[in-house]
Amino acid sequence: MDAGGAAARVAAAVPPADRAVARAWLDPVPYAAGDPLGTTRVFAPAPGRLWLGWVDLEPDRNWSHRAFAVLVHEDGAVETATIDFPPALPAGRRWVSV
C-alpha cells in the first residue's frame, strides 16, 4: 500500500449519492503504530501503519456538518467513523484532495 492506493480507497468510500458534491481528503504521510490520530473522539492511537483521510459530505456548510473519517490500513482494509469536524493534522502536514 502506498499513498496513491490509500487515496483511491478514500475516494471509493464516498457514498454514490454524495459523489456530486462531496470532497475527499488524505494525509499522504502514513501513520506508524501508536502515532496519535487527529481526533480522539473517533480513533485512538494508530493500531498499525495506516493513512488518515476524511470525506466532507456538505462542503458548502460551515461548522459542524455531515462528514466521516477514513482509516486505510496497510493491508487495504478501510474503516470509517462519523465526525463533525475535520481531523487535526500534526504540524507541517497538509491535506491533499483526492
C-alpha atoms as a PDB file:
ATOM      1  CA  MET A   1       0.000   0.000   0.000  1.00  0.00           C
ATOM      2  CA  ASP A   2       1.178   3.494  -0.808  1.00  0.00           C
ATOM      3  CA  ALA A   3      -0.387   6.962  -0.676  1.00  0.00           C
ATOM      4  CA  GLY A   4      -1.883   6.511  -4.158  1.00  0.00           C
ATOM      5  CA  GLY A   5      -3.645   3.321  -3.116  1.00  0.00           C
ATOM      6  CA  ALA A   6      -4.835   4.966   0.090  1.00  0.00           C
ATOM      7  CA  ALA A   7      -6.182   7.947  -1.888  1.00  0.00           C
ATOM      8  CA  ALA A   8      -8.127   5.608  -4.164  1.00  0.00           C
ATOM      9  CA  ARG A   9      -9.687   3.869  -1.151  1.00  0.00           C
ATOM     10  CA  VAL A  10     -10.674   7.182   0.463  1.00  0.00           C
ATOM     11  CA  ALA A  11     -12.296   8.309  -2.806  1.00  0.00           C
ATOM     12  CA  ALA A  12     -14.100   4.969  -3.113  1.00  0.00           C
ATOM     13  CA  ALA A  13     -15.546   5.424   0.388  1.00  0.00           C
ATOM     14  CA  VAL A  14     -17.679   8.369  -0.795  1.00  0.00           C
ATOM     15  CA  PRO A  15     -21.293   7.182  -0.975  1.00  0.00           C
ATOM     16  CA  PRO A  16     -22.638   7.176  -4.560  1.00  0.00           C
ATOM     17  CA  ALA A  17     -25.490   9.531  -3.628  1.00  0.00           C
ATOM     18  CA  ASP A  18     -22.971  12.133  -2.376  1.00  0.00           C
ATOM     19  CA  ARG A  19     -20.326  11.945  -5.125  1.00  0.00           C
ATOM     20  CA  ALA A  20     -21.535  15.040  -6.983  1.00  0.00           C
ATOM     21  CA  VAL A  21     -20.842  17.348  -4.018  1.00  0.00           C
ATOM     22  CA  ALA A  22     -18.601  15.540  -1.516  1.00  0.00           C
ATOM     23  CA  ARG A  23     -14.910  16.364  -1.137  1.00  0.00           C
ATOM     24  CA  ALA A  24     -12.404  13.716  -0.060  1.00  0.00           C
ATOM     25  CA  TRP A  25      -9.034  14.419   1.547  1.00  0.00           C
ATOM     26  CA  LEU A  26      -5.974  12.378   2.544  1.00  0.00           C
ATOM     27  CA  ASP A  27      -2.917  12.963   4.698  1.00  0.00           C
ATOM     28  CA  PRO A  28      -0.376  11.404   2.290  1.00  0.00           C
ATOM     29  CA  VAL A  29       2.124  10.697   5.079  1.00  0.00           C
ATOM     30  CA  PRO A  30       1.391   7.318   6.699  1.00  0.00           C
ATOM     31  CA  TYR A  31       0.983   6.980  10.454  1.00  0.00           C
ATOM     32  CA  ALA A  32       3.004   4.363  12.344  1.00  0.00           C
ATOM     33  CA  ALA A  33       1.555   2.082  15.010  1.00  0.00           C
ATOM     34  CA  GLY A  34       0.993   4.140  18.156  1.00  0.00           C
ATOM     35  CA  ASP A  35       1.028   7.538  16.428  1.00  0.00           C
ATOM     36  CA  PRO A  36      -1.789   9.762  17.688  1.00  0.00           C
ATOM     37  CA  LEU A  37      -4.526  10.306  15.133  1.00  0.00           C
ATOM     38  CA  GLY A  38      -6.161  13.685  14.638  1.00  0.00           C
ATOM     39  CA  THR A  39      -9.367  13.023  16.514  1.00  0.00           C
ATOM     40  CA  THR A  40      -9.500  11.286  19.866  1.00  0.00           C
ATOM     41  CA  ARG A  41     -13.304  11.249  19.833  1.00  0.00           C
ATOM     42  CA  VAL A  42     -13.249   8.758  16.973  1.00  0.00           C
ATOM     43  CA  PHE A  43      -9.938   6.900  16.833  1.00  0.00           C
ATOM     44  CA  ALA A  44      -7.281   6.159  19.459  1.00  0.00           C
ATOM     45  CA  PRO A  45      -3.600   5.843  18.592  1.00  0.00           C
ATOM     46  CA  ALA A  46      -2.982   4.197  15.233  1.00  0.00           C
ATOM     47  CA  PRO A  47      -3.270   0.412  15.646  1.00  0.00           C
ATOM     48  CA  GLY A  48      -0.736  -0.159  12.856  1.00  0.00           C
ATOM     49  CA  ARG A  49       0.673   1.572   9.785  1.00  0.00           C
ATOM     50  CA  LEU A  50      -2.184   3.414   8.082  1.00  0.00           C
ATOM     51  CA  TRP A  51      -3.304   6.534   6.238  1.00  0.00           C
ATOM     52  CA  LEU A  52      -5.874   9.018   7.555  1.00  0.00           C
ATOM     53  CA  GLY A  53      -8.440  10.578   5.258  1.00  0.00           C
ATOM     54  CA  TRP A  54     -11.788  12.233   5.614  1.00  0.00           C
ATOM     55  CA  VAL A  55     -14.821  12.963   3.482  1.00  0.00           C
ATOM     56  CA  ASP A  56     -16.797  16.206   3.695  1.00  0.00           C
ATOM     57  CA  LEU A  57     -20.352  15.418   2.617  1.00  0.00           C
ATOM     58  CA  GLU A  58     -21.527  19.051   2.813  1.00  0.00           C
ATOM     59  CA  PRO A  59     -18.533  21.171   1.749  1.00  0.00           C
ATOM     60  CA  ASP A  60     -20.594  24.341   1.340  1.00  0.00           C
ATOM     61  CA  ARG A  61     -21.545  24.373   5.033  1.00  0.00           C
ATOM     62  CA  ASN A  62     -19.563  25.859   7.892  1.00  0.00           C
ATOM     63  CA  TRP A  63     -19.063  24.413  11.336  1.00  0.00           C
ATOM     64  CA  SER A  64     -20.429  21.025  12.279  1.00  0.00           C
ATOM     65  CA  HIS A  65     -21.996  19.024   9.451  1.00  0.00           C
ATOM     66  CA  ARG A  66     -22.019  15.574   7.824  1.00  0.00           C
ATOM     67  CA  ALA A  67     -18.545  14.127   7.384  1.00  0.00           C
ATOM     68  CA  PHE A  68     -16.617  10.960   8.151  1.00  0.00           C
ATOM     69  CA  ALA A  69     -13.052   9.920   8.852  1.00  0.00           C
ATOM     70  CA  VAL A  70     -11.432   7.143   6.838  1.00  0.00           C
ATOM     71  CA  LEU A  71      -8.623   4.889   8.056  1.00  0.00           C
ATOM     72  CA  VAL A  72      -6.849   2.964   5.311  1.00  0.00           C
ATOM     73  CA  HIS A  73      -4.787   0.141   6.781  1.00  0.00           C
ATOM     74  CA  GLU A  74      -1.581  -1.240   5.274  1.00  0.00           C
ATOM     75  CA  ASP A  75      -3.477  -4.324   4.019  1.00  0.00           C
ATOM     76  CA  GLY A  76      -6.043  -2.130   2.219  1.00  0.00           C
ATOM     77  CA  ALA A  77      -8.811  -2.570   4.796  1.00  0.00           C
ATOM     78  CA  VAL A  78     -10.914   0.554   5.309  1.00  0.00           C
ATOM     79  CA  GLU A  79     -12.637   1.789   8.481  1.00  0.00           C
ATOM     80  CA  THR A  80     -14.945   4.803   8.632  1.00  0.00           C
ATOM     81  CA  ALA A  81     -16.419   6.776  11.515  1.00  0.00           C
ATOM     82  CA  THR A  82     -18.783   9.741  11.588  1.00  0.00           C
ATOM     83  CA  ILE A  83     -17.148  13.047  12.570  1.00  0.00           C
ATOM     84  CA  ASP A  84     -18.398  16.638  12.857  1.00  0.00           C
ATOM     85  CA  PHE A  85     -15.164  18.462  12.074  1.00  0.00           C
ATOM     86  CA  PRO A  86     -12.048  17.615  10.036  1.00  0.00           C
ATOM     87  CA  PRO A  87      -9.357  15.680  11.892  1.00  0.00           C
ATOM     88  CA  ALA A  88      -6.369  17.729  13.048  1.00  0.00           C
ATOM     89  CA  LEU A  89      -3.025  17.041  11.415  1.00  0.00           C
ATOM     90  CA  PRO A  90       0.413  17.035  13.053  1.00  0.00           C
ATOM     91  CA  ALA A  91       2.441  20.207  12.495  1.00  0.00           C
ATOM     92  CA  GLY A  92       3.754  20.582   8.971  1.00  0.00           C
ATOM     93  CA  ARG A  93       1.309  18.176   7.316  1.00  0.00           C
ATOM     94  CA  ARG A  94      -1.313  19.193   4.754  1.00  0.00           C
ATOM     95  CA  TRP A  95      -4.467  17.529   3.453  1.00  0.00           C
ATOM     96  CA  VAL A  96      -4.354  16.519  -0.211  1.00  0.00           C
ATOM     97  CA  SER A  97      -7.574  16.448  -2.226  1.00  0.00           C
ATOM     98  CA  VAL A  98      -8.362  13.023  -3.693  1.00  0.00           C
END
